[in-house]
Amino acid sequence: MERSLTMELVRVTEAAAVASGRWMGFGKKDEADDAATTAMRKVFDTIPMRGTVVIGEGEMDEAPMLYIGERLGLGYLPEVDVAVDPLEGTNIVAKGLWNALSVVAVAERGNLLHAPDMYMDKLAVGPGAVGHVDIDAPVKDNIHAVAKALGKDINDVVVTVLDRSRHARLIEEVRSIGARIKLIPDGDVAAAINTGFPDTGVDILMGSGGAPEGVLAAVALKCLGGEIQGRLMPEDEVQFERCRKMGISDPKKVLRMDDLVKGDDAIFAATGVTDGELLKGVRYKGTEATTHSLVMRAKTGTVRFIDGKHRLEKKPNLVLE
């Protein structure tokens, strides 16, 4: 892939973030998501690539744009798989909470898992704990392993878990071990990325969340040198059949980094919509907007933070240049 693609993808996430951030706190998650999706799709039309959506807003009959199988870009090489979440954290934006992102990930064609829309059990850590955790190991063993790898006491370790009733037993177990917990309402892509940056104060992500989000997190952690393990959680025969149709013959298999994102090259870009531990949200003043973005490439290990200032009167259709 051309290295210039990294900067092009930031334009995509900036546009989606600027469009959806206006809806923060209005209680209208669908409107925020529609704004992000529309803006993202417009900018994709200007990107020099031949992309195919493998993780998007749903099937063709479920989504008007950014649907699975949709072709993106100007039609030039490189040919890439595209995974998108125009607004990761629709409820977060609706309520004005933390860590909503606009997210894009790309890899060479055929290298991203076509993850079905269902739950995935996940375990994610940053570079310092790679090789020390196992999703099949007891929670206690994984937390102790992370503490040892990072040179921390158990009560220094912070575990991020989605605040869901299905995680009640996990939460109680983590507390009984003595580790600290950060419960989040939504947004486990951001939570997984945060494990790769010590300044966020997050050491490990545990629990189940969306499978598509697991692939997005895998691309980010591949760029950072971190690790994610996952296992799909089909709930009925319909979901088992969906796995088979998407080429996943054994849904109970532990999915490791190379299962989620193959090859040595991938690009991940995210722009903050609301404030978070890692990225600031969009700021507006009259016809100006400022954005804070992250873009990373696995092949080079390059990580960039980008502050953007946008004169919206010069680009009313949100095709940011």
C-alpha atoms as a PDB file:
ATOM      1  CA  MET A   1       0.000   0.000   0.000  1.00  0.00           C
ATOM      2  CA  GLU A   2       1.141   3.540  -0.696  1.00  0.00           C
ATOM      3  CA  ARG A   3       2.210   5.421   2.420  1.00  0.00           C
ATOM      4  CA  SER A   4       0.245   8.461   1.232  1.00  0.00           C
ATOM      5  CA  LEU A   5      -2.916   6.471   1.933  1.00  0.00           C
ATOM      6  CA  THR A   6      -2.394   7.046   5.661  1.00  0.00           C
ATOM      7  CA  MET A   7      -3.027  10.769   5.344  1.00  0.00           C
ATOM      8  CA  GLU A   8      -5.905  10.269   2.936  1.00  0.00           C
ATOM      9  CA  LEU A   9      -7.701   8.096   5.480  1.00  0.00           C
ATOM     10  CA  VAL A  10      -7.413  10.775   8.147  1.00  0.00           C
ATOM     11  CA  ARG A  11      -9.461  13.036   5.886  1.00  0.00           C
ATOM     12  CA  VAL A  12     -12.177  10.370   5.958  1.00  0.00           C
ATOM     13  CA  THR A  13     -12.370  10.148   9.754  1.00  0.00           C
ATOM     14  CA  GLU A  14     -12.084  13.926  10.183  1.00  0.00           C
ATOM     15  CA  ALA A  15     -15.128  14.496   7.979  1.00  0.00           C
ATOM     16  CA  ALA A  16     -17.213  11.914   9.819  1.00  0.00           C
ATOM     17  CA  ALA A  17     -16.207  13.311  13.201  1.00  0.00           C
ATOM     18  CA  VAL A  18     -16.966  16.926  12.249  1.00  0.00           C
ATOM     19  CA  ALA A  19     -20.378  15.941  10.869  1.00  0.00           C
ATOM     20  CA  SER A  20     -21.430  13.787  13.833  1.00  0.00           C
ATOM     21  CA  GLY A  21     -19.965  15.905  16.618  1.00  0.00           C
ATOM     22  CA  ARG A  22     -22.633  18.542  16.069  1.00  0.00           C
ATOM     23  CA  TRP A  23     -25.143  16.032  17.471  1.00  0.00           C
ATOM     24  CA  MET A  24     -23.383  15.608  20.820  1.00  0.00           C
ATOM     25  CA  GLY A  25     -25.813  15.623  23.724  1.00  0.00           C
ATOM     26  CA  PHE A  26     -29.000  15.896  21.653  1.00  0.00           C
ATOM     27  CA  GLY A  27     -30.124  12.340  22.422  1.00  0.00           C
ATOM     28  CA  LYS A  28     -30.359  11.481  18.717  1.00  0.00           C
ATOM     29  CA  LYS A  29     -27.965   8.635  18.047  1.00  0.00           C
ATOM     30  CA  ASP A  30     -29.418   7.715  14.630  1.00  0.00           C
ATOM     31  CA  GLU A  31     -29.065  11.249  13.326  1.00  0.00           C
ATOM     32  CA  ALA A  32     -25.461  11.384  14.561  1.00  0.00           C
ATOM     33  CA  ASP A  33     -24.664   8.065  12.913  1.00  0.00           C
ATOM     34  CA  ASP A  34     -26.301   9.124   9.630  1.00  0.00           C
ATOM     35  CA  ALA A  35     -24.282  12.343   9.592  1.00  0.00           C
ATOM     36  CA  ALA A  36     -21.014  10.463  10.144  1.00  0.00           C
ATOM     37  CA  THR A  37     -21.813   7.840   7.526  1.00  0.00           C
ATOM     38  CA  THR A  38     -22.823  10.335   4.855  1.00  0.00           C
ATOM     39  CA  ALA A  39     -19.739  12.493   5.359  1.00  0.00           C
ATOM     40  CA  MET A  40     -17.403   9.488   5.404  1.00  0.00           C
ATOM     41  CA  ARG A  41     -18.881   8.118   2.196  1.00  0.00           C
ATOM     42  CA  LYS A  42     -18.421  11.460   0.390  1.00  0.00           C
ATOM     43  CA  VAL A  43     -14.725  11.622   1.213  1.00  0.00           C
ATOM     44  CA  PHE A  44     -14.127   7.988   0.251  1.00  0.00           C
ATOM     45  CA  ASP A  45     -15.137   9.001  -3.286  1.00  0.00           C
ATOM     46  CA  THR A  46     -11.984  11.136  -3.453  1.00  0.00           C
ATOM     47  CA  ILE A  47      -9.452   8.563  -2.186  1.00  0.00           C
ATOM     48  CA  PRO A  48      -7.026   6.978  -4.704  1.00  0.00           C
ATOM     49  CA  MET A  49      -7.679   3.311  -3.954  1.00  0.00           C
ATOM     50  CA  ARG A  50      -9.820   0.390  -5.007  1.00  0.00           C
ATOM     51  CA  GLY A  51     -11.528  -0.544  -1.760  1.00  0.00           C
ATOM     52  CA  THR A  52     -14.159  -3.099  -0.789  1.00  0.00           C
ATOM     53  CA  VAL A  53     -16.077  -2.766   2.472  1.00  0.00           C
ATOM     54  CA  VAL A  54     -15.719  -5.949   4.529  1.00  0.00           C
ATOM     55  CA  ILE A  55     -16.913  -4.443   7.807  1.00  0.00           C
ATOM     56  CA  GLY A  56     -19.432  -1.663   7.529  1.00  0.00           C
ATOM     57  CA  GLU A  57     -22.921  -0.469   8.331  1.00  0.00           C
ATOM     58  CA  GLY A  58     -24.582  -3.774   7.443  1.00  0.00           C
ATOM     59  CA  GLU A  59     -25.608  -5.767   4.394  1.00  0.00           C
ATOM     60  CA  MET A  60     -26.686  -4.059   1.179  1.00  0.00           C
ATOM     61  CA  ASP A  61     -30.370  -4.361   2.076  1.00  0.00           C
ATOM     62  CA  GLU A  62     -29.729  -2.985   5.586  1.00  0.00           C
ATOM     63  CA  ALA A  63     -27.649   0.110   4.811  1.00  0.00           C
ATOM     64  CA  PRO A  64     -27.859   2.711   2.032  1.00  0.00           C
ATOM     65  CA  MET A  65     -24.109   3.291   2.053  1.00  0.00           C
ATOM     66  CA  LEU A  66     -20.879   1.816   3.459  1.00  0.00           C
ATOM     67  CA  TYR A  67     -22.558  -1.598   3.257  1.00  0.00           C
ATOM     68  CA  ILE A  68     -20.587  -4.826   3.127  1.00  0.00           C
ATOM     69  CA  GLY A  69     -19.363  -5.405  -0.404  1.00  0.00           C
ATOM     70  CA  GLU A  70     -19.622  -1.755  -1.477  1.00  0.00           C
ATOM     71  CA  ARG A  71     -16.768  -0.476  -3.633  1.00  0.00           C
ATOM     72  CA  LEU A  72     -14.994   2.662  -2.432  1.00  0.00           C
ATOM     73  CA  GLY A  73     -12.396   5.008  -3.846  1.00  0.00           C
ATOM     74  CA  LEU A  74     -11.448   6.268  -7.279  1.00  0.00           C
ATOM     75  CA  GLY A  75     -10.821   2.782  -8.631  1.00  0.00           C
ATOM     76  CA  TYR A  76      -7.031   2.977  -8.713  1.00  0.00           C
ATOM     77  CA  LEU A  77      -4.643   0.580  -7.041  1.00  0.00           C
ATOM     78  CA  PRO A  78      -3.989  -0.345  -4.264  1.00  0.00           C
ATOM     79  CA  GLU A  79      -6.768  -2.899  -3.877  1.00  0.00           C
ATOM     80  CA  VAL A  80      -7.734  -3.044  -0.221  1.00  0.00           C
ATOM     81  CA  ASP A  81     -10.189  -4.368   2.323  1.00  0.00           C
ATOM     82  CA  VAL A  82     -11.922  -1.566   4.216  1.00  0.00           C
ATOM     83  CA  ALA A  83     -13.386  -1.744   7.711  1.00  0.00           C
ATOM     84  CA  VAL A  84     -15.348   1.267   8.933  1.00  0.00           C
ATOM     85  CA  ASP A  85     -17.235   2.471  11.939  1.00  0.00           C
ATOM     86  CA  PRO A  86     -18.272   6.019  11.042  1.00  0.00           C
ATOM     87  CA  LEU A  87     -19.383   6.619  14.619  1.00  0.00           C
ATOM     88  CA  GLU A  88     -18.076   4.180  17.202  1.00  0.00           C
ATOM     89  CA  GLY A  89     -20.235   5.151  20.131  1.00  0.00           C
ATOM     90  CA  THR A  90     -23.580   6.430  18.864  1.00  0.00           C
ATOM     91  CA  ASN A  91     -25.021   6.367  22.393  1.00  0.00           C
ATOM     92  CA  ILE A  92     -21.911   8.138  23.665  1.00  0.00           C
ATOM     93  CA  VAL A  93     -22.514  11.053  21.307  1.00  0.00           C
ATOM     94  CA  ALA A  94     -26.228  11.114  22.061  1.00  0.00           C
ATOM     95  CA  LYS A  95     -25.463  11.457  25.773  1.00  0.00           C
ATOM     96  CA  GLY A  96     -22.334  13.599  25.478  1.00  0.00           C
ATOM     97  CA  LEU A  97     -20.083  11.005  27.108  1.00  0.00           C
ATOM     98  CA  TRP A  98     -16.426  10.041  26.544  1.00  0.00           C
ATOM     99  CA  ASN A  99     -14.523   8.165  23.840  1.00  0.00           C
ATOM    100  CA  ALA A 100     -16.694   8.378  20.716  1.00  0.00           C
ATOM    101  CA  LEU A 101     -14.560   7.926  17.610  1.00  0.00           C
ATOM    102  CA  SER A 102     -14.786   7.852  13.848  1.00  0.00           C
ATOM    103  CA  VAL A 103     -12.729   4.862  12.716  1.00  0.00           C
ATOM    104  CA  VAL A 104     -11.326   3.416   9.479  1.00  0.00           C
ATOM    105  CA  ALA A 105      -8.973   0.482   8.935  1.00  0.00           C
ATOM    106  CA  VAL A 106      -7.578  -0.886   5.675  1.00  0.00           C
ATOM    107  CA  ALA A 107      -5.401  -3.830   4.702  1.00  0.00           C
ATOM    108  CA  GLU A 108      -4.434  -5.471   1.452  1.00  0.00           C
ATOM    109  CA  ARG A 109      -7.296  -7.306  -0.251  1.00  0.00           C
ATOM    110  CA  GLY A 110      -8.275 -10.515   1.519  1.00  0.00           C
ATOM    111  CA  ASN A 111      -6.409  -9.726   4.740  1.00  0.00           C
ATOM    112  CA  LEU A 112      -9.245  -8.616   7.054  1.00  0.00           C
ATOM    113  CA  LEU A 113     -11.577 -11.089   8.719  1.00  0.00           C
ATOM    114  CA  HIS A 114     -15.149 -10.703   7.504  1.00  0.00           C
ATOM    115  CA  ALA A 115     -16.494 -10.669  11.040  1.00  0.00           C
ATOM    116  CA  PRO A 116     -20.230 -11.313  11.365  1.00  0.00           C
ATOM    117  CA  ASP A 117     -22.372  -8.933  13.382  1.00  0.00           C
ATOM    118  CA  MET A 118     -22.490 -10.781  16.687  1.00  0.00           C
ATOM    119  CA  TYR A 119     -20.736 -10.806  20.030  1.00  0.00           C
ATOM    120  CA  MET A 120     -17.073 -11.689  20.394  1.00  0.00           C
ATOM    121  CA  ASP A 121     -15.295 -12.457  23.654  1.00  0.00           C
ATOM    122  CA  LYS A 122     -12.126 -10.325  23.687  1.00  0.00           C
ATOM    123  CA  LEU A 123      -8.850  -9.979  25.512  1.00  0.00           C
ATOM    124  CA  ALA A 124      -6.590  -7.087  24.505  1.00  0.00           C
ATOM    125  CA  VAL A 125      -3.271  -5.808  25.835  1.00  0.00           C
ATOM    126  CA  GLY A 126      -0.591  -3.368  24.756  1.00  0.00           C
ATOM    127  CA  PRO A 127       2.966  -4.142  23.616  1.00  0.00           C
ATOM    128  CA  GLY A 128       4.326  -4.651  27.122  1.00  0.00           C
ATOM    129  CA  ALA A 129       2.104  -7.667  27.807  1.00  0.00           C
ATOM    130  CA  VAL A 130       2.200  -9.370  24.385  1.00  0.00           C
ATOM    131  CA  GLY A 131       2.660 -13.115  24.720  1.00  0.00           C
ATOM    132  CA  HIS A 132       1.720 -13.152  28.394  1.00  0.00           C
ATOM    133  CA  VAL A 133      -2.068 -13.598  28.171  1.00  0.00           C
ATOM    134  CA  ASP A 134      -4.408 -16.324  26.966  1.00  0.00           C
ATOM    135  CA  ILE A 135      -8.141 -15.922  26.489  1.00  0.00           C
ATOM    136  CA  ASP A 136      -8.613 -19.525  27.687  1.00  0.00           C
ATOM    137  CA  ALA A 137      -6.731 -18.885  30.943  1.00  0.00           C
ATOM    138  CA  PRO A 138      -8.523 -17.899  34.154  1.00  0.00           C
ATOM    139  CA  VAL A 139      -9.097 -14.183  34.665  1.00  0.00           C
ATOM    140  CA  LYS A 140      -6.834 -14.254  37.719  1.00  0.00           C
ATOM    141  CA  ASP A 141      -3.938 -15.728  35.745  1.00  0.00           C
ATOM    142  CA  ASN A 142      -4.211 -13.131  32.989  1.00  0.00           C
ATOM    143  CA  ILE A 143      -4.302 -10.209  35.401  1.00  0.00           C
ATOM    144  CA  HIS A 144      -1.314 -11.552  37.327  1.00  0.00           C
ATOM    145  CA  ALA A 145       0.539 -12.098  34.044  1.00  0.00           C
ATOM    146  CA  VAL A 146      -0.127  -8.524  32.903  1.00  0.00           C
ATOM    147  CA  ALA A 147       0.954  -7.140  36.276  1.00  0.00           C
ATOM    148  CA  LYS A 148       4.224  -9.082  36.113  1.00  0.00           C
ATOM    149  CA  ALA A 149       4.903  -8.133  32.487  1.00  0.00           C
ATOM    150  CA  LEU A 150       4.323  -4.433  33.183  1.00  0.00           C
ATOM    151  CA  GLY A 151       6.156  -4.407  36.513  1.00  0.00           C
ATOM    152  CA  LYS A 152       3.050  -3.442  38.461  1.00  0.00           C
ATOM    153  CA  ASP A 153       1.346  -4.569  41.634  1.00  0.00           C
ATOM    154  CA  ILE A 154      -2.052  -6.194  41.154  1.00  0.00           C
ATOM    155  CA  ASN A 155      -3.840  -3.172  42.613  1.00  0.00           C
ATOM    156  CA  ASP A 156      -2.074  -0.950  40.059  1.00  0.00           C
ATOM    157  CA  VAL A 157      -3.580  -2.838  37.097  1.00  0.00           C
ATOM    158  CA  VAL A 158      -6.612  -1.261  35.373  1.00  0.00           C
ATOM    159  CA  VAL A 159      -9.034  -3.519  33.509  1.00  0.00           C
ATOM    160  CA  THR A 160     -11.565  -2.004  31.106  1.00  0.00           C
ATOM    161  CA  VAL A 161     -14.923  -3.775  30.832  1.00  0.00           C
ATOM    162  CA  LEU A 162     -18.140  -2.798  29.055  1.00  0.00           C
ATOM    163  CA  ASP A 163     -20.777  -2.013  31.677  1.00  0.00           C
ATOM    164  CA  ARG A 164     -23.247  -4.764  30.834  1.00  0.00           C
ATOM    165  CA  SER A 165     -25.231  -7.204  32.969  1.00  0.00           C
ATOM    166  CA  ARG A 166     -23.584 -10.106  31.114  1.00  0.00           C
ATOM    167  CA  HIS A 167     -20.281  -9.051  32.678  1.00  0.00           C
ATOM    168  CA  ALA A 168     -21.452  -9.173  36.312  1.00  0.00           C
ATOM    169  CA  ARG A 169     -19.438 -12.294  37.119  1.00  0.00           C
ATOM    170  CA  LEU A 170     -16.325 -10.989  35.340  1.00  0.00           C
ATOM    171  CA  ILE A 171     -16.531  -7.672  37.192  1.00  0.00           C
ATOM    172  CA  GLU A 172     -16.877  -9.401  40.554  1.00  0.00           C
ATOM    173  CA  GLU A 173     -13.921 -11.668  39.793  1.00  0.00           C
ATOM    174  CA  VAL A 174     -11.665  -8.775  38.784  1.00  0.00           C
ATOM    175  CA  ARG A 175     -12.583  -6.926  41.971  1.00  0.00           C
ATOM    176  CA  SER A 176     -11.926  -9.979  44.118  1.00  0.00           C
ATOM    177  CA  ILE A 177      -8.427 -10.265  42.628  1.00  0.00           C
ATOM    178  CA  GLY A 178      -7.683  -6.676  43.647  1.00  0.00           C
ATOM    179  CA  ALA A 179      -7.306  -5.066  40.221  1.00  0.00           C
ATOM    180  CA  ARG A 180      -9.071  -1.826  39.440  1.00  0.00           C
ATOM    181  CA  ILE A 181     -11.865  -1.577  36.871  1.00  0.00           C
ATOM    182  CA  LYS A 182     -12.863   1.110  34.418  1.00  0.00           C
ATOM    183  CA  LEU A 183     -16.464   0.446  33.368  1.00  0.00           C
ATOM    184  CA  ILE A 184     -17.390   1.973  30.023  1.00  0.00           C
ATOM    185  CA  PRO A 185     -20.903   2.453  28.606  1.00  0.00           C
ATOM    186  CA  ASP A 186     -19.859   1.800  24.976  1.00  0.00           C
ATOM    187  CA  GLY A 187     -16.829   2.106  22.726  1.00  0.00           C
ATOM    188  CA  ASP A 188     -14.597  -0.915  23.193  1.00  0.00           C
ATOM    189  CA  VAL A 189     -12.513  -0.046  20.112  1.00  0.00           C
ATOM    190  CA  ALA A 190     -11.240   2.996  21.987  1.00  0.00           C
ATOM    191  CA  ALA A 191     -10.758   0.854  25.092  1.00  0.00           C
ATOM    192  CA  ALA A 192      -8.649  -1.677  23.194  1.00  0.00           C
ATOM    193  CA  ILE A 193      -6.505   1.056  21.613  1.00  0.00           C
ATOM    194  CA  ASN A 194      -5.947   2.627  25.029  1.00  0.00           C
ATOM    195  CA  THR A 195      -4.101  -0.496  26.206  1.00  0.00           C
ATOM    196  CA  GLY A 196      -1.358   0.429  23.733  1.00  0.00           C
ATOM    197  CA  PHE A 197      -0.689   3.842  25.311  1.00  0.00           C
ATOM    198  CA  PRO A 198       0.527   3.828  28.939  1.00  0.00           C
ATOM    199  CA  ASP A 199      -0.601   7.421  29.506  1.00  0.00           C
ATOM    200  CA  THR A 200      -4.257   6.382  29.212  1.00  0.00           C
ATOM    201  CA  GLY A 201      -3.962   4.343  32.403  1.00  0.00           C
ATOM    202  CA  VAL A 202      -5.545   1.242  30.832  1.00  0.00           C
ATOM    203  CA  ASP A 203      -3.710  -2.093  30.944  1.00  0.00           C
ATOM    204  CA  ILE A 204      -6.117  -4.733  29.657  1.00  0.00           C
ATOM    205  CA  LEU A 205      -9.522  -5.040  27.982  1.00  0.00           C
ATOM    206  CA  MET A 206     -11.718  -7.996  28.936  1.00  0.00           C
ATOM    207  CA  GLY A 207     -15.249  -9.147  28.125  1.00  0.00           C
ATOM    208  CA  SER A 208     -17.510  -9.404  25.129  1.00  0.00           C
ATOM    209  CA  GLY A 209     -18.424  -6.783  22.555  1.00  0.00           C
ATOM    210  CA  GLY A 210     -19.154  -6.561  18.858  1.00  0.00           C
ATOM    211  CA  ALA A 211     -17.133  -8.816  16.551  1.00  0.00           C
ATOM    212  CA  PRO A 212     -16.688  -6.153  13.825  1.00  0.00           C
ATOM    213  CA  GLU A 213     -15.248  -3.826  16.451  1.00  0.00           C
ATOM    214  CA  GLY A 214     -12.831  -6.610  17.351  1.00  0.00           C
ATOM    215  CA  VAL A 215     -11.352  -6.523  13.851  1.00  0.00           C
ATOM    216  CA  LEU A 216     -10.995  -2.739  13.945  1.00  0.00           C
ATOM    217  CA  ALA A 217      -9.244  -3.005  17.304  1.00  0.00           C
ATOM    218  CA  ALA A 218      -6.981  -5.729  15.915  1.00  0.00           C
ATOM    219  CA  VAL A 219      -5.744  -3.458  13.119  1.00  0.00           C
ATOM    220  CA  ALA A 220      -4.982  -0.706  15.634  1.00  0.00           C
ATOM    221  CA  LEU A 221      -3.143  -3.066  17.970  1.00  0.00           C
ATOM    222  CA  LYS A 222      -1.219  -4.611  15.075  1.00  0.00           C
ATOM    223  CA  CYS A 223       0.061  -1.129  14.267  1.00  0.00           C
ATOM    224  CA  LEU A 224       0.986  -0.585  17.921  1.00  0.00           C
ATOM    225  CA  GLY A 225       2.596  -3.986  18.453  1.00  0.00           C
ATOM    226  CA  GLY A 226      -0.112  -5.022  20.900  1.00  0.00           C
ATOM    227  CA  GLU A 227      -2.250  -8.147  21.014  1.00  0.00           C
ATOM    228  CA  ILE A 228      -5.912  -9.088  20.853  1.00  0.00           C
ATOM    229  CA  GLN A 229      -7.501 -12.511  21.092  1.00  0.00           C
ATOM    230  CA  GLY A 230     -11.149 -13.216  20.417  1.00  0.00           C
ATOM    231  CA  ARG A 231     -13.764 -15.906  20.143  1.00  0.00           C
ATOM    232  CA  LEU A 232     -17.071 -15.495  18.344  1.00  0.00           C
ATOM    233  CA  MET A 233     -20.222 -16.066  20.405  1.00  0.00           C
ATOM    234  CA  PRO A 234     -23.023 -17.182  18.051  1.00  0.00           C
ATOM    235  CA  GLU A 235     -26.255 -17.412  19.992  1.00  0.00           C
ATOM    236  CA  ASP A 236     -28.371 -19.597  17.716  1.00  0.00           C
ATOM    237  CA  GLU A 237     -28.298 -21.653  14.525  1.00  0.00           C
ATOM    238  CA  VAL A 238     -28.948 -18.562  12.420  1.00  0.00           C
ATOM    239  CA  GLN A 239     -25.761 -16.980  13.712  1.00  0.00           C
ATOM    240  CA  PHE A 240     -23.819 -20.233  13.307  1.00  0.00           C
ATOM    241  CA  GLU A 241     -24.952 -20.349   9.681  1.00  0.00           C
ATOM    242  CA  ARG A 242     -23.951 -16.721   9.216  1.00  0.00           C
ATOM    243  CA  CYS A 243     -20.439 -17.604  10.379  1.00  0.00           C
ATOM    244  CA  ARG A 244     -20.242 -20.447   7.874  1.00  0.00           C
ATOM    245  CA  LYS A 245     -21.433 -18.218   5.013  1.00  0.00           C
ATOM    246  CA  MET A 246     -18.677 -15.751   5.847  1.00  0.00           C
ATOM    247  CA  GLY A 247     -16.027 -18.469   5.663  1.00  0.00           C
ATOM    248  CA  ILE A 248     -15.669 -19.158   9.391  1.00  0.00           C
ATOM    249  CA  SER A 249     -15.935 -22.938   9.622  1.00  0.00           C
ATOM    250  CA  ASP A 250     -15.251 -23.165  13.366  1.00  0.00           C
ATOM    251  CA  PRO A 251     -16.917 -20.236  15.196  1.00  0.00           C
ATOM    252  CA  LYS A 252     -15.553 -21.464  18.536  1.00  0.00           C
ATOM    253  CA  LYS A 253     -11.938 -21.175  17.414  1.00  0.00           C
ATOM    254  CA  VAL A 254      -9.748 -18.673  19.242  1.00  0.00           C
ATOM    255  CA  LEU A 255      -9.031 -15.873  16.795  1.00  0.00           C
ATOM    256  CA  ARG A 256      -5.560 -14.420  17.145  1.00  0.00           C
ATOM    257  CA  MET A 257      -3.979 -11.418  15.495  1.00  0.00           C
ATOM    258  CA  ASP A 258      -3.144 -13.206  12.233  1.00  0.00           C
ATOM    259  CA  ASP A 259      -6.715 -14.528  12.018  1.00  0.00           C
ATOM    260  CA  LEU A 260      -8.191 -11.054  12.424  1.00  0.00           C
ATOM    261  CA  VAL A 261      -5.747  -9.168  10.202  1.00  0.00           C
ATOM    262  CA  LYS A 262      -3.269 -11.049   8.011  1.00  0.00           C
ATOM    263  CA  GLY A 263      -0.060  -9.800   6.451  1.00  0.00           C
ATOM    264  CA  ASP A 264       2.479  -7.287   7.656  1.00  0.00           C
ATOM    265  CA  ASP A 265       0.753  -4.113   6.487  1.00  0.00           C
ATOM    266  CA  ALA A 266      -2.401  -2.361   7.604  1.00  0.00           C
ATOM    267  CA  ILE A 267      -3.437   1.216   8.302  1.00  0.00           C
ATOM    268  CA  PHE A 268      -5.671   2.494  11.088  1.00  0.00           C
ATOM    269  CA  ALA A 269      -7.099   6.006  11.431  1.00  0.00           C
ATOM    270  CA  ALA A 270      -9.379   7.483  14.084  1.00  0.00           C
ATOM    271  CA  THR A 271     -10.640  10.969  14.903  1.00  0.00           C
ATOM    272  CA  GLY A 272     -12.125  11.878  18.264  1.00  0.00           C
ATOM    273  CA  VAL A 273     -15.770  12.902  18.207  1.00  0.00           C
ATOM    274  CA  THR A 274     -16.061  13.422  21.959  1.00  0.00           C
ATOM    275  CA  ASP A 275     -13.192  13.760  24.427  1.00  0.00           C
ATOM    276  CA  GLY A 276     -11.401  10.616  25.547  1.00  0.00           C
ATOM    277  CA  GLU A 277      -8.240   9.466  27.301  1.00  0.00           C
ATOM    278  CA  LEU A 278      -6.343   9.443  23.997  1.00  0.00           C
ATOM    279  CA  LEU A 279      -8.058  11.850  21.601  1.00  0.00           C
ATOM    280  CA  LYS A 280      -9.843  15.150  22.092  1.00  0.00           C
ATOM    281  CA  GLY A 281     -13.282  15.597  20.610  1.00  0.00           C
ATOM    282  CA  VAL A 282     -14.269  18.045  17.878  1.00  0.00           C
ATOM    283  CA  ARG A 283     -14.329  21.717  18.834  1.00  0.00           C
ATOM    284  CA  TYR A 284     -16.504  24.221  16.954  1.00  0.00           C
ATOM    285  CA  LYS A 285     -16.351  27.990  16.797  1.00  0.00           C
ATOM    286  CA  GLY A 286     -18.447  29.707  14.165  1.00  0.00           C
ATOM    287  CA  THR A 287     -17.341  28.323  10.817  1.00  0.00           C
ATOM    288  CA  GLU A 288     -14.219  26.653  12.226  1.00  0.00           C
ATOM    289  CA  ALA A 289     -13.795  23.153  13.589  1.00  0.00           C
ATOM    290  CA  THR A 290     -10.709  21.592  15.155  1.00  0.00           C
ATOM    291  CA  THR A 291     -10.063  17.857  15.220  1.00  0.00           C
ATOM    292  CA  HIS A 292      -7.631  15.495  16.932  1.00  0.00           C
ATOM    293  CA  SER A 293      -6.743  12.320  15.058  1.00  0.00           C
ATOM    294  CA  LEU A 294      -4.535   9.244  15.268  1.00  0.00           C
ATOM    295  CA  VAL A 295      -3.150   7.413  12.229  1.00  0.00           C
ATOM    296  CA  MET A 296      -0.878   4.360  12.338  1.00  0.00           C
ATOM    297  CA  ARG A 297       0.720   1.937   9.904  1.00  0.00           C
ATOM    298  CA  ALA A 298       1.693  -1.612  10.834  1.00  0.00           C
ATOM    299  CA  LYS A 299       4.469  -2.044   8.266  1.00  0.00           C
ATOM    300  CA  THR A 300       6.512   0.867   9.588  1.00  0.00           C
ATOM    301  CA  GLY A 301       5.223   1.093  13.149  1.00  0.00           C
ATOM    302  CA  THR A 302       4.655   4.815  12.618  1.00  0.00           C
ATOM    303  CA  VAL A 303       2.150   6.452  14.966  1.00  0.00           C
ATOM    304  CA  ARG A 304       1.036  10.018  14.271  1.00  0.00           C
ATOM    305  CA  PHE A 305      -1.256  12.370  16.181  1.00  0.00           C
ATOM    306  CA  ILE A 306      -2.712  15.083  13.972  1.00  0.00           C
ATOM    307  CA  ASP A 307      -4.370  18.334  14.988  1.00  0.00           C
ATOM    308  CA  GLY A 308      -6.590  19.695  12.240  1.00  0.00           C
ATOM    309  CA  LYS A 309      -8.200  23.094  11.809  1.00  0.00           C
ATOM    310  CA  HIS A 310     -11.003  23.222   9.248  1.00  0.00           C
ATOM    311  CA  ARG A 311     -12.619  26.278   7.655  1.00  0.00           C
ATOM    312  CA  LEU A 312     -16.080  24.881   7.076  1.00  0.00           C
ATOM    313  CA  GLU A 313     -17.268  27.734   4.905  1.00  0.00           C
ATOM    314  CA  LYS A 314     -14.663  26.630   2.349  1.00  0.00           C
ATOM    315  CA  LYS A 315     -15.918  23.037   2.310  1.00  0.00           C
ATOM    316  CA  PRO A 316     -19.670  23.054   2.939  1.00  0.00           C
ATOM    317  CA  ASN A 317     -20.088  19.492   1.683  1.00  0.00           C
ATOM    318  CA  LEU A 318     -17.600  18.284   4.338  1.00  0.00           C
ATOM    319  CA  VAL A 319     -15.175  16.925   1.764  1.00  0.00           C
ATOM    320  CA  LEU A 320     -12.210  17.992   3.848  1.00  0.00           C
ATOM    321  CA  GLU A 321      -9.008  18.662   1.953  1.00  0.00           C
END
